[in-house]
Amino acid sequence: MIVTKLLAALLLSCVAWRSEGYRMFADRIPNGYQVPHPCHPNALWHGVGHFNVDGGGFRNPFGTDFYNAGKQWTAELCGLDSDGDGLTNGQELGDPQCVWKVGDLPTSSTNLSHPGICNPIGSEQCKTKTYSSGLFHNQEEWMDQACKSLDFNCSAIHQPGVKTMSLKLDETPVPAKETTYICQIFDFPDHDNDYHMIASTPIKDNVNIL
C-alpha cells in the first residue's frame, strides 16, 4: 500500500466543504480586520467572535455578546468588557467613545487588542477565567491551544513513500449567508493503488472564507 498525504479528499469521494463567510461580521465592528493575535506578533485573529482563530464553531465571550446585540456594534456592546480584563470592547477595538458606525473610520487603529481574550494572558486573573462553552474550561486551556506554532507540523509526512497532492475546489461564488456546504468529486491520477490519508491542511486563497 502506498501511504499518501492528501490536502482534501479520497479517490472519487464526494467532499463537503463548509465555508463561513465572516466578512460581513468583521465589517460590523471597528477594526474588524485588524484584531491582533495575542501570541503571535504580526498575526491577526480573523474570527474575532470565535474560539477558533479563523472563525466558525463556538463563540468566545465577545462573540456571545456580539450575538446578543443582534450581531451589530451598539453603544451597549461597545461599553461592555466581554473578556473581563478591565478594558471595554470599544477601548480594545479603537472606539473608546463608542461613536463608531459601519462605514466610519475608527477613532484609532493602533494599540488594538482582542475583546474576547483577557489580557495579559499569563496573569492569574486571565488564566483562570472560566467558560461555559464546553470547548475549553478556562482561558489557560484556550491559550495553550491558540498559542501553538502556526506552522503545520506532522513528522509522518516526511517518511519514505509518502506523497503529497494538492486538491482545490473550483472557483465558486459563495452565497450571502453564514454557512455554505459545497460538494466536489476529485479523481486521482493513479487508479491502481489504495490510498490512506495521514494528514491534511487547508489551502486558503481567500482570507474572507474558511
N, C-alpha and C. Protein backbone atom coordinates (compact mmCIF):
# COMPACT_ATOMS: atom_id res chain seq x y z
N MET A 1 0.85 -1.20 0.00
CA MET A 1 0.00 0.00 0.00
C MET A 1 0.88 1.25 0.00
N ILE A 2 0.54 2.20 -0.80
CA ILE A 2 1.25 3.47 -0.80
C ILE A 2 0.53 4.42 0.16
N VAL A 3 1.28 4.96 1.12
CA VAL A 3 0.71 5.92 2.06
C VAL A 3 0.84 7.29 1.45
N THR A 4 -0.25 7.98 1.39
CA THR A 4 -0.27 9.25 0.68
C THR A 4 -0.82 10.36 1.55
N LYS A 5 -0.19 11.51 1.56
CA LYS A 5 -0.72 12.69 2.24
C LYS A 5 -1.57 13.47 1.26
N LEU A 6 -2.80 13.70 1.61
CA LEU A 6 -3.71 14.47 0.77
C LEU A 6 -4.03 15.78 1.43
N LEU A 7 -4.44 16.73 0.65
CA LEU A 7 -4.82 18.01 1.20
C LEU A 7 -6.32 18.23 1.13
N ALA A 8 -7.08 17.22 0.72
CA ALA A 8 -8.51 17.45 0.71
C ALA A 8 -9.35 16.19 0.78
N ALA A 9 -9.20 15.22 -0.14
CA ALA A 9 -10.20 14.17 -0.23
C ALA A 9 -9.63 12.85 -0.69
N LEU A 10 -10.42 11.76 -0.60
CA LEU A 10 -10.06 10.44 -1.09
C LEU A 10 -10.61 10.24 -2.50
N LEU A 11 -10.04 9.23 -3.20
CA LEU A 11 -10.39 8.95 -4.59
C LEU A 11 -11.90 8.84 -4.80
N LEU A 12 -12.39 9.64 -5.78
CA LEU A 12 -13.79 9.57 -6.19
C LEU A 12 -14.76 9.70 -5.03
N SER A 13 -14.35 10.43 -4.01
CA SER A 13 -15.26 10.64 -2.89
C SER A 13 -15.86 12.03 -3.01
N CYS A 14 -17.02 12.16 -2.48
CA CYS A 14 -17.71 13.46 -2.51
C CYS A 14 -17.39 14.17 -1.21
N VAL A 15 -16.76 15.32 -1.30
CA VAL A 15 -16.28 16.03 -0.11
C VAL A 15 -17.15 17.25 0.13
N ALA A 16 -17.61 17.38 1.34
CA ALA A 16 -18.41 18.56 1.70
C ALA A 16 -17.49 19.63 2.25
N TRP A 17 -17.52 20.77 1.65
CA TRP A 17 -16.71 21.89 2.10
C TRP A 17 -17.62 22.88 2.82
N ARG A 18 -17.23 23.24 4.04
CA ARG A 18 -18.04 24.14 4.83
C ARG A 18 -17.36 25.51 4.85
N SER A 19 -18.05 26.51 4.39
CA SER A 19 -17.46 27.84 4.37
C SER A 19 -18.20 28.75 5.34
N GLU A 20 -17.43 29.54 6.05
CA GLU A 20 -18.00 30.52 6.96
C GLU A 20 -17.68 31.90 6.41
N GLY A 21 -18.67 32.61 5.92
CA GLY A 21 -18.44 33.93 5.39
C GLY A 21 -18.56 34.97 6.50
N TYR A 22 -17.41 35.39 7.04
CA TYR A 22 -17.46 36.28 8.18
C TYR A 22 -17.12 37.72 7.83
N ARG A 23 -16.93 38.02 6.52
CA ARG A 23 -16.61 39.39 6.13
C ARG A 23 -17.67 40.36 6.66
N MET A 24 -18.93 39.96 6.56
CA MET A 24 -20.00 40.87 6.96
C MET A 24 -19.92 41.18 8.45
N PHE A 25 -19.41 40.22 9.26
CA PHE A 25 -19.31 40.47 10.69
C PHE A 25 -18.12 41.36 11.01
N ALA A 26 -17.00 41.13 10.31
CA ALA A 26 -15.83 41.99 10.51
C ALA A 26 -16.14 43.43 10.12
N ASP A 27 -17.01 43.61 9.13
CA ASP A 27 -17.42 44.95 8.71
C ASP A 27 -18.26 45.65 9.78
N ARG A 28 -18.83 44.88 10.69
CA ARG A 28 -19.78 45.44 11.66
C ARG A 28 -19.14 45.85 12.98
N ILE A 29 -17.83 45.69 13.10
CA ILE A 29 -17.14 46.14 14.31
C ILE A 29 -15.95 46.99 13.89
N PRO A 30 -15.56 47.96 14.70
CA PRO A 30 -14.41 48.79 14.34
C PRO A 30 -13.13 47.96 14.27
N ASN A 31 -12.33 48.21 13.26
CA ASN A 31 -11.07 47.49 13.08
C ASN A 31 -11.26 45.98 13.04
N GLY A 32 -12.36 45.54 12.44
CA GLY A 32 -12.68 44.12 12.44
C GLY A 32 -11.68 43.25 11.72
N TYR A 33 -10.86 43.87 10.85
CA TYR A 33 -9.85 43.10 10.11
C TYR A 33 -8.45 43.27 10.69
N GLN A 34 -8.36 43.96 11.81
CA GLN A 34 -7.04 44.28 12.37
C GLN A 34 -6.86 43.80 13.80
N VAL A 35 -7.70 42.88 14.25
CA VAL A 35 -7.61 42.42 15.64
C VAL A 35 -6.40 41.50 15.79
N PRO A 36 -5.46 41.84 16.65
CA PRO A 36 -4.21 41.08 16.74
C PRO A 36 -4.36 39.75 17.47
N HIS A 37 -3.52 38.82 17.10
CA HIS A 37 -3.40 37.54 17.82
C HIS A 37 -2.57 37.81 19.07
N PRO A 38 -2.99 37.37 20.25
CA PRO A 38 -2.28 37.70 21.48
C PRO A 38 -0.93 37.00 21.63
N CYS A 39 -0.67 35.97 20.83
CA CYS A 39 0.57 35.18 21.00
C CYS A 39 1.56 35.33 19.86
N HIS A 40 1.07 35.67 18.68
CA HIS A 40 1.94 35.69 17.51
C HIS A 40 2.02 37.10 16.92
N PRO A 41 3.15 37.78 17.08
CA PRO A 41 3.32 39.13 16.53
C PRO A 41 3.04 39.15 15.03
N ASN A 42 2.36 40.18 14.60
CA ASN A 42 2.04 40.39 13.19
C ASN A 42 0.98 39.43 12.65
N ALA A 43 0.44 38.55 13.50
CA ALA A 43 -0.66 37.67 13.08
C ALA A 43 -1.98 38.27 13.55
N LEU A 44 -3.04 38.00 12.80
CA LEU A 44 -4.36 38.54 13.13
C LEU A 44 -5.30 37.43 13.56
N TRP A 45 -6.28 37.80 14.38
CA TRP A 45 -7.32 36.86 14.80
C TRP A 45 -8.54 37.15 13.93
N HIS A 46 -8.70 36.38 12.86
CA HIS A 46 -9.73 36.70 11.86
C HIS A 46 -11.15 36.45 12.38
N GLY A 47 -11.35 35.38 13.13
CA GLY A 47 -12.68 35.08 13.66
C GLY A 47 -12.85 35.70 15.03
N VAL A 48 -12.99 37.02 15.08
CA VAL A 48 -12.93 37.75 16.35
C VAL A 48 -13.93 37.22 17.38
N GLY A 49 -15.09 36.77 16.94
CA GLY A 49 -16.11 36.31 17.87
C GLY A 49 -16.06 34.84 18.21
N HIS A 50 -14.99 34.15 17.78
CA HIS A 50 -14.93 32.69 17.97
C HIS A 50 -13.65 32.26 18.69
N PHE A 51 -13.72 31.08 19.31
CA PHE A 51 -12.52 30.50 19.90
C PHE A 51 -11.51 30.14 18.82
N ASN A 52 -12.00 29.73 17.66
CA ASN A 52 -11.14 29.39 16.53
C ASN A 52 -10.63 30.67 15.88
N VAL A 53 -9.33 30.78 15.71
CA VAL A 53 -8.74 32.00 15.16
C VAL A 53 -9.28 32.34 13.78
N ASP A 54 -9.68 31.33 13.01
CA ASP A 54 -10.21 31.58 11.67
C ASP A 54 -11.73 31.68 11.63
N GLY A 55 -12.37 31.59 12.78
CA GLY A 55 -13.82 31.71 12.84
C GLY A 55 -14.51 30.37 12.76
N GLY A 56 -15.80 30.37 13.02
CA GLY A 56 -16.59 29.15 12.99
C GLY A 56 -16.55 28.42 14.32
N GLY A 57 -17.60 27.68 14.61
CA GLY A 57 -17.64 26.93 15.86
C GLY A 57 -18.12 27.75 17.04
N PHE A 58 -17.69 27.36 18.23
CA PHE A 58 -18.16 28.00 19.45
C PHE A 58 -17.76 29.48 19.50
N ARG A 59 -18.65 30.28 20.06
CA ARG A 59 -18.37 31.70 20.23
C ARG A 59 -17.58 31.94 21.52
N ASN A 60 -16.65 32.87 21.47
CA ASN A 60 -15.94 33.30 22.67
C ASN A 60 -16.79 34.36 23.38
N PRO A 61 -16.35 34.87 24.54
CA PRO A 61 -17.19 35.84 25.27
C PRO A 61 -17.62 37.05 24.45
N PHE A 62 -16.71 37.58 23.64
CA PHE A 62 -17.10 38.71 22.80
C PHE A 62 -18.12 38.28 21.75
N GLY A 63 -17.90 37.11 21.16
CA GLY A 63 -18.84 36.61 20.16
C GLY A 63 -20.23 36.43 20.72
N THR A 64 -20.31 35.97 21.96
CA THR A 64 -21.61 35.80 22.61
C THR A 64 -22.29 37.14 22.80
N ASP A 65 -21.52 38.14 23.27
CA ASP A 65 -22.10 39.47 23.47
C ASP A 65 -22.49 40.10 22.14
N PHE A 66 -21.69 39.87 21.10
CA PHE A 66 -22.00 40.40 19.77
C PHE A 66 -23.29 39.77 19.24
N TYR A 67 -23.43 38.48 19.44
CA TYR A 67 -24.65 37.78 19.01
C TYR A 67 -25.86 38.33 19.76
N ASN A 68 -25.72 38.52 21.06
CA ASN A 68 -26.83 39.04 21.88
C ASN A 68 -27.19 40.47 21.52
N ALA A 69 -26.25 41.18 20.91
CA ALA A 69 -26.52 42.56 20.48
C ALA A 69 -27.10 42.61 19.08
N GLY A 70 -27.52 41.45 18.58
CA GLY A 70 -28.10 41.40 17.25
C GLY A 70 -27.07 41.40 16.15
N LYS A 71 -25.83 40.99 16.49
CA LYS A 71 -24.71 40.96 15.54
C LYS A 71 -24.47 42.35 14.95
N GLN A 72 -24.59 43.35 15.83
CA GLN A 72 -24.34 44.74 15.45
C GLN A 72 -23.49 45.40 16.51
N TRP A 73 -22.74 46.42 16.12
CA TRP A 73 -21.95 47.21 17.06
C TRP A 73 -22.86 48.27 17.66
N THR A 74 -23.15 48.15 18.92
CA THR A 74 -24.04 49.08 19.61
C THR A 74 -23.27 49.76 20.73
N ALA A 75 -23.83 50.85 21.25
CA ALA A 75 -23.18 51.54 22.36
C ALA A 75 -23.08 50.62 23.58
N GLU A 76 -24.09 49.79 23.77
CA GLU A 76 -24.05 48.86 24.91
C GLU A 76 -22.94 47.83 24.74
N LEU A 77 -22.85 47.25 23.55
CA LEU A 77 -21.79 46.27 23.29
C LEU A 77 -20.42 46.92 23.41
N CYS A 78 -20.29 48.12 22.89
CA CYS A 78 -19.03 48.86 22.96
C CYS A 78 -18.60 49.07 24.42
N GLY A 79 -19.56 49.34 25.29
CA GLY A 79 -19.25 49.64 26.68
C GLY A 79 -19.02 48.42 27.55
N LEU A 80 -19.32 47.23 27.03
CA LEU A 80 -19.09 46.01 27.80
C LEU A 80 -17.61 45.65 27.84
N ASP A 81 -17.25 44.93 28.87
CA ASP A 81 -15.90 44.35 28.97
C ASP A 81 -16.07 42.84 28.85
N SER A 82 -16.20 42.37 27.62
CA SER A 82 -16.56 40.97 27.38
C SER A 82 -15.57 39.98 27.97
N ASP A 83 -14.28 40.32 27.90
CA ASP A 83 -13.27 39.37 28.37
C ASP A 83 -12.84 39.58 29.81
N GLY A 84 -13.37 40.62 30.46
CA GLY A 84 -13.11 40.82 31.88
C GLY A 84 -11.71 41.27 32.23
N ASP A 85 -11.04 41.98 31.31
CA ASP A 85 -9.67 42.41 31.61
C ASP A 85 -9.57 43.88 32.00
N GLY A 86 -10.71 44.54 32.20
CA GLY A 86 -10.70 45.92 32.65
C GLY A 86 -10.80 46.94 31.54
N LEU A 87 -10.80 46.51 30.28
CA LEU A 87 -10.95 47.42 29.15
C LEU A 87 -12.27 47.12 28.45
N THR A 88 -12.96 48.17 28.04
CA THR A 88 -14.21 47.95 27.32
C THR A 88 -13.91 47.42 25.92
N ASN A 89 -14.92 46.84 25.30
CA ASN A 89 -14.75 46.38 23.93
C ASN A 89 -14.37 47.53 23.01
N GLY A 90 -14.93 48.68 23.26
CA GLY A 90 -14.60 49.85 22.45
C GLY A 90 -13.15 50.27 22.61
N GLN A 91 -12.64 50.23 23.82
CA GLN A 91 -11.23 50.58 24.04
C GLN A 91 -10.31 49.59 23.33
N GLU A 92 -10.70 48.32 23.33
CA GLU A 92 -9.84 47.30 22.71
C GLU A 92 -9.87 47.37 21.19
N LEU A 93 -10.99 47.83 20.63
CA LEU A 93 -11.14 47.85 19.17
C LEU A 93 -10.99 49.25 18.57
N GLY A 94 -10.52 50.20 19.35
CA GLY A 94 -10.24 51.52 18.79
C GLY A 94 -11.43 52.45 18.72
N ASP A 95 -12.46 52.20 19.54
CA ASP A 95 -13.64 53.08 19.59
C ASP A 95 -13.96 53.40 21.06
N PRO A 96 -13.04 54.06 21.74
CA PRO A 96 -13.21 54.27 23.19
C PRO A 96 -14.43 55.11 23.56
N GLN A 97 -14.88 55.98 22.66
CA GLN A 97 -16.03 56.83 22.94
C GLN A 97 -17.34 56.21 22.46
N CYS A 98 -17.25 55.03 21.85
CA CYS A 98 -18.45 54.33 21.37
C CYS A 98 -19.25 55.16 20.38
N VAL A 99 -18.54 55.75 19.42
CA VAL A 99 -19.20 56.61 18.43
C VAL A 99 -19.13 56.01 17.02
N TRP A 100 -18.41 54.90 16.87
CA TRP A 100 -18.19 54.34 15.54
C TRP A 100 -19.48 53.79 14.95
N LYS A 101 -19.65 53.99 13.63
CA LYS A 101 -20.75 53.41 12.88
C LYS A 101 -20.17 52.69 11.67
N VAL A 102 -20.89 51.72 11.14
CA VAL A 102 -20.44 50.98 9.97
C VAL A 102 -20.13 51.95 8.84
N GLY A 103 -18.94 51.82 8.27
CA GLY A 103 -18.52 52.70 7.19
C GLY A 103 -17.62 53.82 7.66
N ASP A 104 -17.60 54.12 8.98
CA ASP A 104 -16.74 55.16 9.52
C ASP A 104 -15.31 54.65 9.69
N LEU A 105 -14.38 55.59 9.77
CA LEU A 105 -13.03 55.25 10.19
C LEU A 105 -13.00 55.22 11.71
N PRO A 106 -12.39 54.18 12.31
CA PRO A 106 -12.33 54.13 13.77
C PRO A 106 -11.51 55.29 14.33
N THR A 107 -11.77 55.66 15.56
CA THR A 107 -11.01 56.71 16.22
C THR A 107 -9.52 56.38 16.23
N SER A 108 -9.21 55.11 16.45
CA SER A 108 -7.81 54.67 16.48
C SER A 108 -7.70 53.29 15.84
N SER A 109 -6.56 53.06 15.19
CA SER A 109 -6.28 51.74 14.61
C SER A 109 -4.94 51.21 15.11
N THR A 110 -4.47 51.76 16.22
CA THR A 110 -3.22 51.30 16.83
C THR A 110 -3.49 50.84 18.26
N ASN A 111 -2.57 50.06 18.79
CA ASN A 111 -2.68 49.54 20.16
C ASN A 111 -4.00 48.80 20.38
N LEU A 112 -4.41 48.05 19.37
CA LEU A 112 -5.64 47.28 19.49
C LEU A 112 -5.38 46.00 20.28
N SER A 113 -6.44 45.41 20.80
CA SER A 113 -6.34 44.11 21.48
C SER A 113 -7.64 43.35 21.24
N HIS A 114 -7.60 42.07 21.54
CA HIS A 114 -8.76 41.20 21.28
C HIS A 114 -9.81 41.40 22.38
N PRO A 115 -11.04 41.74 22.02
CA PRO A 115 -12.08 42.00 23.02
C PRO A 115 -12.64 40.74 23.67
N GLY A 116 -12.24 39.56 23.16
CA GLY A 116 -12.74 38.32 23.75
C GLY A 116 -11.68 37.54 24.50
N ILE A 117 -10.45 38.08 24.55
CA ILE A 117 -9.34 37.40 25.23
C ILE A 117 -8.81 38.30 26.33
N CYS A 118 -8.88 37.83 27.56
CA CYS A 118 -8.41 38.59 28.72
C CYS A 118 -6.90 38.76 28.65
N ASN A 119 -6.46 40.00 28.81
CA ASN A 119 -5.03 40.31 28.80
C ASN A 119 -4.60 40.98 30.09
N PRO A 120 -3.36 40.74 30.52
CA PRO A 120 -2.34 39.87 29.90
C PRO A 120 -2.70 38.40 30.07
N ILE A 121 -2.50 37.61 29.02
CA ILE A 121 -2.97 36.23 29.02
C ILE A 121 -2.29 35.37 30.08
N GLY A 122 -1.10 35.79 30.53
CA GLY A 122 -0.38 34.99 31.52
C GLY A 122 -0.72 35.32 32.96
N SER A 123 -1.56 36.33 33.19
CA SER A 123 -1.91 36.71 34.56
C SER A 123 -2.85 35.68 35.17
N GLU A 124 -2.82 35.57 36.48
CA GLU A 124 -3.69 34.61 37.16
C GLU A 124 -5.16 34.93 36.92
N GLN A 125 -5.48 36.22 36.90
CA GLN A 125 -6.86 36.64 36.66
C GLN A 125 -7.37 36.13 35.33
N CYS A 126 -6.51 36.20 34.31
CA CYS A 126 -6.93 35.80 32.96
C CYS A 126 -6.85 34.29 32.75
N LYS A 127 -5.79 33.66 33.26
CA LYS A 127 -5.63 32.21 33.06
C LYS A 127 -6.79 31.43 33.65
N THR A 128 -7.32 31.90 34.76
CA THR A 128 -8.37 31.15 35.46
C THR A 128 -9.78 31.57 35.06
N LYS A 129 -9.89 32.48 34.10
CA LYS A 129 -11.22 32.88 33.63
C LYS A 129 -11.91 31.67 33.01
N THR A 130 -13.09 31.33 33.48
CA THR A 130 -13.77 30.10 33.07
C THR A 130 -14.78 30.37 31.96
N TYR A 131 -15.10 29.31 31.20
CA TYR A 131 -16.07 29.38 30.12
C TYR A 131 -17.10 28.28 30.26
N SER A 132 -18.25 28.51 29.68
CA SER A 132 -19.32 27.51 29.73
C SER A 132 -19.63 26.95 28.36
N SER A 133 -18.74 27.18 27.40
CA SER A 133 -19.00 26.75 26.02
C SER A 133 -18.89 25.24 25.84
N GLY A 134 -18.13 24.58 26.72
CA GLY A 134 -17.90 23.16 26.56
C GLY A 134 -16.67 22.85 25.75
N LEU A 135 -16.06 23.86 25.12
CA LEU A 135 -14.86 23.66 24.32
C LEU A 135 -13.61 23.76 25.19
N PHE A 136 -13.54 24.78 26.02
CA PHE A 136 -12.43 24.97 26.95
C PHE A 136 -13.01 25.27 28.33
N HIS A 137 -12.35 24.78 29.36
CA HIS A 137 -12.80 25.06 30.72
C HIS A 137 -12.39 26.45 31.18
N ASN A 138 -11.23 26.90 30.73
CA ASN A 138 -10.74 28.20 31.13
C ASN A 138 -9.85 28.78 30.05
N GLN A 139 -9.44 30.04 30.24
CA GLN A 139 -8.66 30.69 29.20
C GLN A 139 -7.27 30.07 29.05
N GLU A 140 -6.71 29.55 30.13
CA GLU A 140 -5.39 28.93 30.03
C GLU A 140 -5.42 27.78 29.03
N GLU A 141 -6.46 26.95 29.09
CA GLU A 141 -6.59 25.84 28.14
C GLU A 141 -6.71 26.37 26.71
N TRP A 142 -7.52 27.41 26.56
CA TRP A 142 -7.72 28.01 25.23
C TRP A 142 -6.42 28.55 24.67
N MET A 143 -5.67 29.31 25.48
CA MET A 143 -4.43 29.90 25.00
C MET A 143 -3.34 28.86 24.77
N ASP A 144 -3.35 27.79 25.55
CA ASP A 144 -2.39 26.71 25.30
C ASP A 144 -2.56 26.18 23.88
N GLN A 145 -3.81 26.11 23.44
CA GLN A 145 -4.09 25.63 22.09
C GLN A 145 -3.83 26.72 21.05
N ALA A 146 -4.29 27.92 21.34
CA ALA A 146 -4.20 29.01 20.36
C ALA A 146 -2.77 29.49 20.15
N CYS A 147 -1.92 29.32 21.16
CA CYS A 147 -0.57 29.87 21.09
C CYS A 147 0.46 28.89 20.55
N LYS A 148 0.01 27.72 20.11
CA LYS A 148 0.93 26.79 19.48
C LYS A 148 1.43 27.38 18.16
N SER A 149 2.52 26.82 17.67
CA SER A 149 3.08 27.29 16.41
C SER A 149 2.03 27.27 15.32
N LEU A 150 2.05 28.28 14.47
CA LEU A 150 1.12 28.35 13.35
C LEU A 150 1.57 27.50 12.17
N ASP A 151 2.79 26.98 12.25
CA ASP A 151 3.31 26.14 11.17
C ASP A 151 2.71 24.74 11.24
N PHE A 152 2.44 24.15 10.08
CA PHE A 152 1.94 22.78 10.03
C PHE A 152 3.07 21.83 10.40
N ASN A 153 2.82 20.96 11.37
CA ASN A 153 3.88 20.08 11.86
C ASN A 153 3.35 18.65 12.00
N CYS A 154 3.80 17.77 11.12
CA CYS A 154 3.42 16.36 11.17
C CYS A 154 4.60 15.54 10.67
N SER A 155 5.30 14.87 11.59
CA SER A 155 6.52 14.15 11.22
C SER A 155 6.25 13.01 10.24
N ALA A 156 5.04 12.44 10.26
CA ALA A 156 4.73 11.29 9.40
C ALA A 156 4.83 11.63 7.92
N ILE A 157 4.59 12.88 7.56
CA ILE A 157 4.59 13.23 6.13
C ILE A 157 5.99 13.20 5.54
N HIS A 158 7.01 13.09 6.38
CA HIS A 158 8.38 13.07 5.89
C HIS A 158 8.92 11.64 5.75
N GLN A 159 8.10 10.64 6.03
CA GLN A 159 8.55 9.26 5.92
C GLN A 159 8.66 8.84 4.46
N PRO A 160 9.54 7.86 4.18
CA PRO A 160 9.70 7.37 2.80
C PRO A 160 8.38 6.84 2.25
N GLY A 161 8.11 7.11 1.00
CA GLY A 161 6.90 6.61 0.35
C GLY A 161 5.69 7.50 0.48
N VAL A 162 5.80 8.53 1.28
CA VAL A 162 4.66 9.44 1.46
C VAL A 162 4.63 10.44 0.31
N LYS A 163 3.47 10.62 -0.26
CA LYS A 163 3.30 11.56 -1.36
C LYS A 163 2.36 12.69 -0.95
N THR A 164 2.47 13.78 -1.64
CA THR A 164 1.63 14.95 -1.37
C THR A 164 0.83 15.31 -2.61
N MET A 165 -0.42 15.64 -2.40
CA MET A 165 -1.26 16.08 -3.51
C MET A 165 -2.10 17.27 -3.06
N SER A 166 -2.17 18.28 -3.88
CA SER A 166 -2.99 19.45 -3.58
C SER A 166 -4.29 19.37 -4.38
N LEU A 167 -5.39 19.42 -3.69
CA LEU A 167 -6.71 19.40 -4.33
C LEU A 167 -7.43 20.70 -4.00
N LYS A 168 -7.87 21.39 -5.02
CA LYS A 168 -8.52 22.68 -4.81
C LYS A 168 -9.94 22.67 -5.35
N LEU A 169 -10.82 23.28 -4.59
CA LEU A 169 -12.19 23.45 -5.02
C LEU A 169 -12.23 24.43 -6.19
N ASP A 170 -13.06 24.14 -7.20
CA ASP A 170 -13.21 25.09 -8.31
C ASP A 170 -13.69 26.43 -7.78
N GLU A 171 -13.28 27.50 -8.44
CA GLU A 171 -13.75 28.82 -8.03
C GLU A 171 -15.27 28.84 -8.05
N THR A 172 -15.84 29.16 -6.91
CA THR A 172 -17.29 29.09 -6.75
C THR A 172 -17.79 30.32 -6.00
N PRO A 173 -18.80 30.99 -6.51
CA PRO A 173 -19.37 32.12 -5.76
C PRO A 173 -19.93 31.63 -4.43
N VAL A 174 -19.66 32.35 -3.37
CA VAL A 174 -20.16 31.98 -2.05
C VAL A 174 -21.42 32.78 -1.78
N PRO A 175 -22.54 32.10 -1.53
CA PRO A 175 -23.80 32.82 -1.27
C PRO A 175 -23.69 33.73 -0.05
N ALA A 176 -24.52 34.74 -0.03
CA ALA A 176 -24.52 35.70 1.07
C ALA A 176 -25.28 35.16 2.27
N LYS A 177 -24.77 34.07 2.82
CA LYS A 177 -25.32 33.53 4.05
C LYS A 177 -24.17 32.98 4.87
N GLU A 178 -24.43 32.73 6.15
CA GLU A 178 -23.34 32.45 7.07
C GLU A 178 -22.61 31.15 6.77
N THR A 179 -23.32 30.09 6.42
CA THR A 179 -22.68 28.79 6.21
C THR A 179 -23.13 28.17 4.90
N THR A 180 -22.17 27.65 4.13
CA THR A 180 -22.46 27.02 2.85
C THR A 180 -21.71 25.70 2.75
N TYR A 181 -22.36 24.65 2.29
CA TYR A 181 -21.72 23.36 2.07
C TYR A 181 -21.61 23.13 0.56
N ILE A 182 -20.41 22.83 0.08
CA ILE A 182 -20.17 22.60 -1.34
C ILE A 182 -19.54 21.22 -1.51
N CYS A 183 -20.04 20.44 -2.47
CA CYS A 183 -19.55 19.09 -2.70
C CYS A 183 -18.85 19.01 -4.05
N GLN A 184 -17.66 18.38 -4.10
CA GLN A 184 -16.93 18.23 -5.36
C GLN A 184 -16.21 16.90 -5.36
N ILE A 185 -16.19 16.23 -6.52
CA ILE A 185 -15.52 14.94 -6.68
C ILE A 185 -14.12 15.16 -7.27
N PHE A 186 -13.14 14.46 -6.69
CA PHE A 186 -11.77 14.52 -7.19
C PHE A 186 -11.34 13.14 -7.69
N ASP A 187 -10.61 13.10 -8.78
CA ASP A 187 -10.13 11.85 -9.36
C ASP A 187 -8.61 11.83 -9.28
N PHE A 188 -8.04 10.75 -8.70
CA PHE A 188 -6.60 10.63 -8.59
C PHE A 188 -6.02 10.12 -9.92
N PRO A 189 -4.79 10.55 -10.26
CA PRO A 189 -4.17 10.08 -11.50
C PRO A 189 -3.77 8.60 -11.45
N ASP A 190 -3.53 8.05 -10.26
CA ASP A 190 -3.13 6.66 -10.10
C ASP A 190 -4.31 5.86 -9.58
N HIS A 191 -4.93 5.03 -10.42
CA HIS A 191 -6.11 4.27 -10.03
C HIS A 191 -5.78 2.85 -9.58
N ASP A 192 -4.52 2.47 -9.62
CA ASP A 192 -4.13 1.08 -9.38
C ASP A 192 -3.69 0.82 -7.94
N ASN A 193 -3.68 1.80 -7.11
CA ASN A 193 -3.21 1.62 -5.74
C ASN A 193 -4.23 2.16 -4.76
N ASP A 194 -4.18 1.59 -3.56
CA ASP A 194 -5.00 2.10 -2.47
C ASP A 194 -4.29 3.29 -1.82
N TYR A 195 -5.08 4.17 -1.23
CA TYR A 195 -4.53 5.35 -0.59
C TYR A 195 -5.06 5.49 0.83
N HIS A 196 -4.21 6.01 1.68
CA HIS A 196 -4.61 6.26 3.07
C HIS A 196 -4.18 7.67 3.44
N MET A 197 -5.12 8.51 3.84
CA MET A 197 -4.80 9.88 4.18
C MET A 197 -4.25 9.95 5.60
N ILE A 198 -3.07 10.51 5.77
CA ILE A 198 -2.47 10.59 7.10
C ILE A 198 -2.41 12.02 7.63
N ALA A 199 -2.60 13.01 6.78
CA ALA A 199 -2.56 14.39 7.26
C ALA A 199 -3.22 15.29 6.24
N SER A 200 -3.71 16.40 6.70
CA SER A 200 -4.32 17.37 5.79
C SER A 200 -4.14 18.76 6.35
N THR A 201 -4.12 19.71 5.48
CA THR A 201 -4.06 21.11 5.87
C THR A 201 -4.80 21.92 4.83
N PRO A 202 -5.54 22.95 5.21
CA PRO A 202 -6.34 23.69 4.23
C PRO A 202 -5.49 24.57 3.32
N ILE A 203 -5.95 24.73 2.12
CA ILE A 203 -5.37 25.69 1.18
C ILE A 203 -6.34 26.85 1.10
N LYS A 204 -5.95 27.99 1.60
CA LYS A 204 -6.85 29.15 1.63
C LYS A 204 -6.28 30.27 0.80
N ASP A 205 -6.98 30.64 -0.27
CA ASP A 205 -6.54 31.77 -1.08
C ASP A 205 -7.51 32.94 -0.98
N ASN A 206 -8.44 32.85 -0.05
CA ASN A 206 -9.37 33.93 0.21
C ASN A 206 -9.54 34.06 1.71
N VAL A 207 -8.98 35.11 2.30
CA VAL A 207 -8.97 35.24 3.75
C VAL A 207 -10.38 35.46 4.32
N ASN A 208 -11.33 35.74 3.45
CA ASN A 208 -12.68 36.01 3.92
C ASN A 208 -13.55 34.76 3.99
N ILE A 209 -13.00 33.65 3.55
CA ILE A 209 -13.75 32.40 3.54
C ILE A 209 -12.95 31.33 4.26
N LEU A 210 -13.61 30.59 5.14
CA LEU A 210 -12.97 29.48 5.85
C LEU A 210 -13.57 28.18 5.34
